[in-house]
C-alpha atoms as a PDB file:
ATOM      1  CA  MET A   1      -6.131  13.386   8.712  1.00  0.00           C
ATOM      2  CA  LYS A   2      -3.633  12.168  11.430  1.00  0.00           C
ATOM      3  CA  GLU A   3      -1.071  14.008  12.438  1.00  0.00           C
ATOM      4  CA  THR A   4       1.811  12.197  10.486  1.00  0.00           C
ATOM      5  CA  PRO A   5       0.207   9.114   8.578  1.00  0.00           C
ATOM      6  CA  LYS A   6       2.489   6.148   7.368  1.00  0.00           C
ATOM      7  CA  ILE A   7       2.525   5.272   4.013  1.00  0.00           C
ATOM      8  CA  CYS A   8       3.815   1.959   2.978  1.00  0.00           C
ATOM      9  CA  ILE A   9       4.874   1.589  -0.623  1.00  0.00           C
ATOM     10  CA  ILE A  10       5.533  -2.279  -1.753  1.00  0.00           C
ATOM     11  CA  ASP A  11       6.635  -1.913  -4.957  1.00  0.00           C
ATOM     12  CA  ASP A  12       9.398  -3.399  -6.574  1.00  0.00           C
ATOM     13  CA  ASP A  13      10.755  -0.932  -9.092  1.00  0.00           C
ATOM     14  CA  TYR A  14      12.788   0.906  -7.056  1.00  0.00           C
ATOM     15  CA  ILE A  15      12.919   4.246  -9.252  1.00  0.00           C
ATOM     16  CA  TYR A  16       8.614   4.230  -8.981  1.00  0.00           C
ATOM     17  CA  ARG A  17       8.510   4.030  -4.909  1.00  0.00           C
ATOM     18  CA  TYR A  18      11.170   7.125  -5.199  1.00  0.00           C
ATOM     19  CA  THR A  19       8.765   8.887  -7.133  1.00  0.00           C
ATOM     20  CA  VAL A  20       6.128   8.145  -5.493  1.00  0.00           C
ATOM     21  CA  VAL A  21       7.904   9.325  -2.351  1.00  0.00           C
ATOM     22  CA  LYS A  22       8.931  12.570  -3.965  1.00  0.00           C
ATOM     23  CA  LYS A  23       5.970  13.713  -5.128  1.00  0.00           C
ATOM     24  CA  MET A  24       4.444  13.122  -1.828  1.00  0.00           C
ATOM     25  CA  GLU A  25       7.082  15.842  -0.578  1.00  0.00           C
ATOM     26  CA  THR A  26       6.715  17.847  -3.013  1.00  0.00           C
ATOM     27  CA  MET A  27       2.875  18.252  -2.335  1.00  0.00           C
ATOM     28  CA  LYS A  28       4.127  18.817   1.293  1.00  0.00           C
ATOM     29  CA  LEU A  29       2.074  16.094   2.935  1.00  0.00           C
ATOM     30  CA  PRO A  30       3.314  15.135   6.708  1.00  0.00           C
ATOM     31  CA  VAL A  31       3.882  12.018   6.387  1.00  0.00           C
ATOM     32  CA  GLU A  32       6.180   8.957   6.943  1.00  0.00           C
ATOM     33  CA  THR A  33       7.164   6.461   4.638  1.00  0.00           C
ATOM     34  CA  VAL A  34       8.379   2.851   4.692  1.00  0.00           C
ATOM     35  CA  THR A  35       9.240   0.715   1.603  1.00  0.00           C
ATOM     36  CA  PHE A  36       9.632  -3.004  -0.081  1.00  0.00           C
ATOM     37  CA  GLY A  37      10.551  -4.326  -2.631  1.00  0.00           C
ATOM     38  CA  ASP A  38       8.464  -6.954  -2.407  1.00  0.00           C
ATOM     39  CA  GLY A  39       5.482  -8.905  -0.948  1.00  0.00           C
ATOM     40  CA  GLU A  40       7.624 -11.107   1.495  1.00  0.00           C
ATOM     41  CA  MET A  41       9.567  -8.422   2.891  1.00  0.00           C
ATOM     42  CA  ALA A  42       6.344  -6.349   3.790  1.00  0.00           C
ATOM     43  CA  LEU A  43       4.874  -8.960   5.447  1.00  0.00           C
ATOM     44  CA  ALA A  44       7.319  -9.757   7.383  1.00  0.00           C
ATOM     45  CA  TYR A  45       7.500  -6.545   8.822  1.00  0.00           C
ATOM     46  CA  LEU A  46       4.312  -6.506   9.053  1.00  0.00           C
ATOM     47  CA  LEU A  47       4.631  -9.676  11.502  1.00  0.00           C
ATOM     48  CA  GLU A  48       7.441  -8.125  13.560  1.00  0.00           C
ATOM     49  CA  ASN A  49       5.199  -5.148  14.582  1.00  0.00           C
ATOM     50  CA  LEU A  50       2.128  -6.999  14.763  1.00  0.00           C
ATOM     51  CA  ASN A  51       1.568  -5.488  18.135  1.00  0.00           C
ATOM     52  CA  ILE A  52       3.129  -2.194  17.266  1.00  0.00           C
ATOM     53  CA  ASP A  53       0.209   0.240  16.241  1.00  0.00           C
ATOM     54  CA  SER A  54       2.703   3.435  15.625  1.00  0.00           C
ATOM     55  CA  GLU A  55       5.356   0.771  13.485  1.00  0.00           C
ATOM     56  CA  LEU A  56       2.228  -0.161  11.604  1.00  0.00           C
ATOM     57  CA  PRO A  57       1.217   1.735   8.603  1.00  0.00           C
ATOM     58  CA  ASP A  58      -2.049   3.553   7.962  1.00  0.00           C
ATOM     59  CA  VAL A  59      -1.591   3.136   4.498  1.00  0.00           C
ATOM     60  CA  ILE A  60      -0.145   0.217   1.988  1.00  0.00           C
ATOM     61  CA  LEU A  61      -0.056   1.022  -1.746  1.00  0.00           C
ATOM     62  CA  LEU A  62       0.855  -1.943  -3.546  1.00  0.00           C
ATOM     63  CA  ASP A  63       1.495  -3.221  -6.505  1.00  0.00           C
ATOM     64  CA  VAL A  64      -0.103  -6.194  -8.657  1.00  0.00           C
ATOM     65  CA  ASP A  65       2.646  -7.693 -10.447  1.00  0.00           C
ATOM     66  CA  MET A  66       5.926  -8.318  -8.424  1.00  0.00           C
ATOM     67  CA  PRO A  67       8.449 -11.084  -8.195  1.00  0.00           C
ATOM     68  CA  ILE A  68       8.816 -13.764  -5.041  1.00  0.00           C
ATOM     69  CA  MET A  69       5.246 -12.441  -3.676  1.00  0.00           C
ATOM     70  CA  ASP A  70       2.951 -10.398  -5.920  1.00  0.00           C
ATOM     71  CA  GLY A  71       0.338  -8.134  -4.756  1.00  0.00           C
ATOM     72  CA  PHE A  72      -2.392 -10.605  -4.760  1.00  0.00           C
ATOM     73  CA  GLN A  73      -0.307 -13.475  -3.044  1.00  0.00           C
ATOM     74  CA  PHE A  74       0.104 -10.540   0.016  1.00  0.00           C
ATOM     75  CA  LEU A  75      -3.584  -9.911  -0.025  1.00  0.00           C
ATOM     76  CA  LYS A  76      -4.096 -14.064   0.894  1.00  0.00           C
ATOM     77  CA  GLU A  77      -1.714 -13.602   3.860  1.00  0.00           C
ATOM     78  CA  TYR A  78      -2.683 -10.109   4.875  1.00  0.00           C
ATOM     79  CA  SER A  79      -6.470 -11.373   5.586  1.00  0.00           C
ATOM     80  CA  LYS A  80      -4.651 -14.096   7.720  1.00  0.00           C
ATOM     81  CA  ILE A  81      -3.520 -11.616   9.944  1.00  0.00           C
ATOM     82  CA  GLU A  82      -6.136  -9.163   9.440  1.00  0.00           C
ATOM     83  CA  LYS A  83      -8.480  -9.548  11.993  1.00  0.00           C
ATOM     84  CA  GLN A  84      -4.920  -9.747  14.541  1.00  0.00           C
ATOM     85  CA  LEU A  85      -4.335  -5.888  13.843  1.00  0.00           C
ATOM     86  CA  ASN A  86      -5.414  -3.543  16.048  1.00  0.00           C
ATOM     87  CA  LYS A  87      -5.401  -0.532  13.334  1.00  0.00           C
ATOM     88  CA  LYS A  88      -7.105  -0.256  10.497  1.00  0.00           C
ATOM     89  CA  ILE A  89      -4.870  -0.650   7.587  1.00  0.00           C
ATOM     90  CA  ARG A  90      -6.222   0.960   3.860  1.00  0.00           C
ATOM     91  CA  ILE A  91      -4.591  -0.934   1.085  1.00  0.00           C
ATOM     92  CA  TYR A  92      -4.844   0.686  -2.615  1.00  0.00           C
ATOM     93  CA  MET A  93      -3.852  -1.384  -5.355  1.00  0.00           C
ATOM     94  CA  ILE A  94      -1.340  -0.209  -7.822  1.00  0.00           C
ATOM     95  CA  SER A  95      -0.780  -1.452 -11.133  1.00  0.00           C
ATOM     96  CA  SER A  96       0.337  -1.056 -14.580  1.00  0.00           C
ATOM     97  CA  SER A  97      -2.443  -3.431 -15.492  1.00  0.00           C
ATOM     98  CA  LEU A  98      -5.463  -2.079 -17.168  1.00  0.00           C
ATOM     99  CA  ASP A  99      -6.697  -5.957 -17.164  1.00  0.00           C
ATOM    100  CA  PRO A 100     -10.307  -6.129 -15.771  1.00  0.00           C
ATOM    101  CA  ILE A 101      -9.243  -9.532 -14.485  1.00  0.00           C
ATOM    102  CA  ASP A 102      -6.889  -7.680 -12.061  1.00  0.00           C
ATOM    103  CA  ILE A 103      -9.701  -4.571 -11.287  1.00  0.00           C
ATOM    104  CA  GLU A 104     -12.335  -7.106 -10.495  1.00  0.00           C
ATOM    105  CA  ARG A 105      -9.877  -9.436  -8.466  1.00  0.00           C
ATOM    106  CA  ALA A 106      -9.081  -6.499  -6.419  1.00  0.00           C
ATOM    107  CA  GLN A 107     -12.631  -5.135  -6.064  1.00  0.00           C
ATOM    108  CA  ARG A 108     -13.617  -8.470  -4.454  1.00  0.00           C
ATOM    109  CA  VAL A 109     -11.185  -8.347  -1.819  1.00  0.00           C
ATOM    110  CA  HIS A 110     -13.314  -6.280   1.025  1.00  0.00           C
ATOM    111  CA  PHE A 111      -9.818  -4.026   2.828  1.00  0.00           C
ATOM    112  CA  ILE A 112      -8.862  -2.952  -0.802  1.00  0.00           C
ATOM    113  CA  ALA A 113      -9.657   0.701  -0.972  1.00  0.00           C
ATOM    114  CA  ASP A 114      -9.061   1.424  -4.730  1.00  0.00           C
ATOM    115  CA  TYR A 115      -7.517   0.557  -7.627  1.00  0.00           C
ATOM    116  CA  PHE A 116      -4.789   2.675  -9.379  1.00  0.00           C
ATOM    117  CA  VAL A 117      -3.229   2.616 -12.656  1.00  0.00           C
ATOM    118  CA  LYS A 118       0.269   3.482 -12.605  1.00  0.00           C
ATOM    119  CA  PRO A 119       1.359   6.126 -12.249  1.00  0.00           C
ATOM    120  CA  ILE A 120      -0.123   7.244  -8.986  1.00  0.00           C
ATOM    121  CA  ASN A 121      -0.844  10.770 -10.043  1.00  0.00           C
ATOM    122  CA  THR A 122      -1.689  14.126  -7.188  1.00  0.00           C
ATOM    123  CA  GLU A 123      -5.118  13.926  -7.468  1.00  0.00           C
ATOM    124  CA  GLN A 124      -5.308  10.328  -6.331  1.00  0.00           C
ATOM    125  CA  ILE A 125      -2.531  10.580  -3.962  1.00  0.00           C
ATOM    126  CA  LYS A 126      -4.707  13.898  -2.498  1.00  0.00           C
ATOM    127  CA  SER A 127      -7.486  11.139  -2.098  1.00  0.00           C
ATOM    128  CA  VAL A 128      -5.344   8.912  -0.113  1.00  0.00           C
ATOM    129  CA  PHE A 129      -4.818  11.524   2.216  1.00  0.00           C
ATOM    130  CA  LEU A 130      -8.662  12.610   2.373  1.00  0.00           C
ATOM    131  CA  ASN A 131      -9.474   9.322   3.474  1.00  0.00           C
ATOM    132  CA  LEU A 132      -7.179   8.877   6.452  1.00  0.00           C
END
């Protein structure tokens, strides 16, 4: 694992973002977090920092259902910039949806590491860190 990984949480639910951050703190994981309420804000951040690897996240926890730009719209736009990144970013889809269509759709995206159903649990967070 890298010294201090950067985790980006993209979810429109502030309480959920806060809970995930607090869960990682409780687990005493050395992590830097950056959070966004929708995919559009997160994409703007990635574009601003396209050539600054230290500012780019190592992991993105991406919600499926969000206003403005949902998770799948974010992935479509991310795919356009992925090859410009010098850093590999692992993306995990996080959703309350058990819809097999959403799960299958996420599995078809080559840069999606996994699909977790909310709420993300301690074991899932550990697996994210083990795969850094």
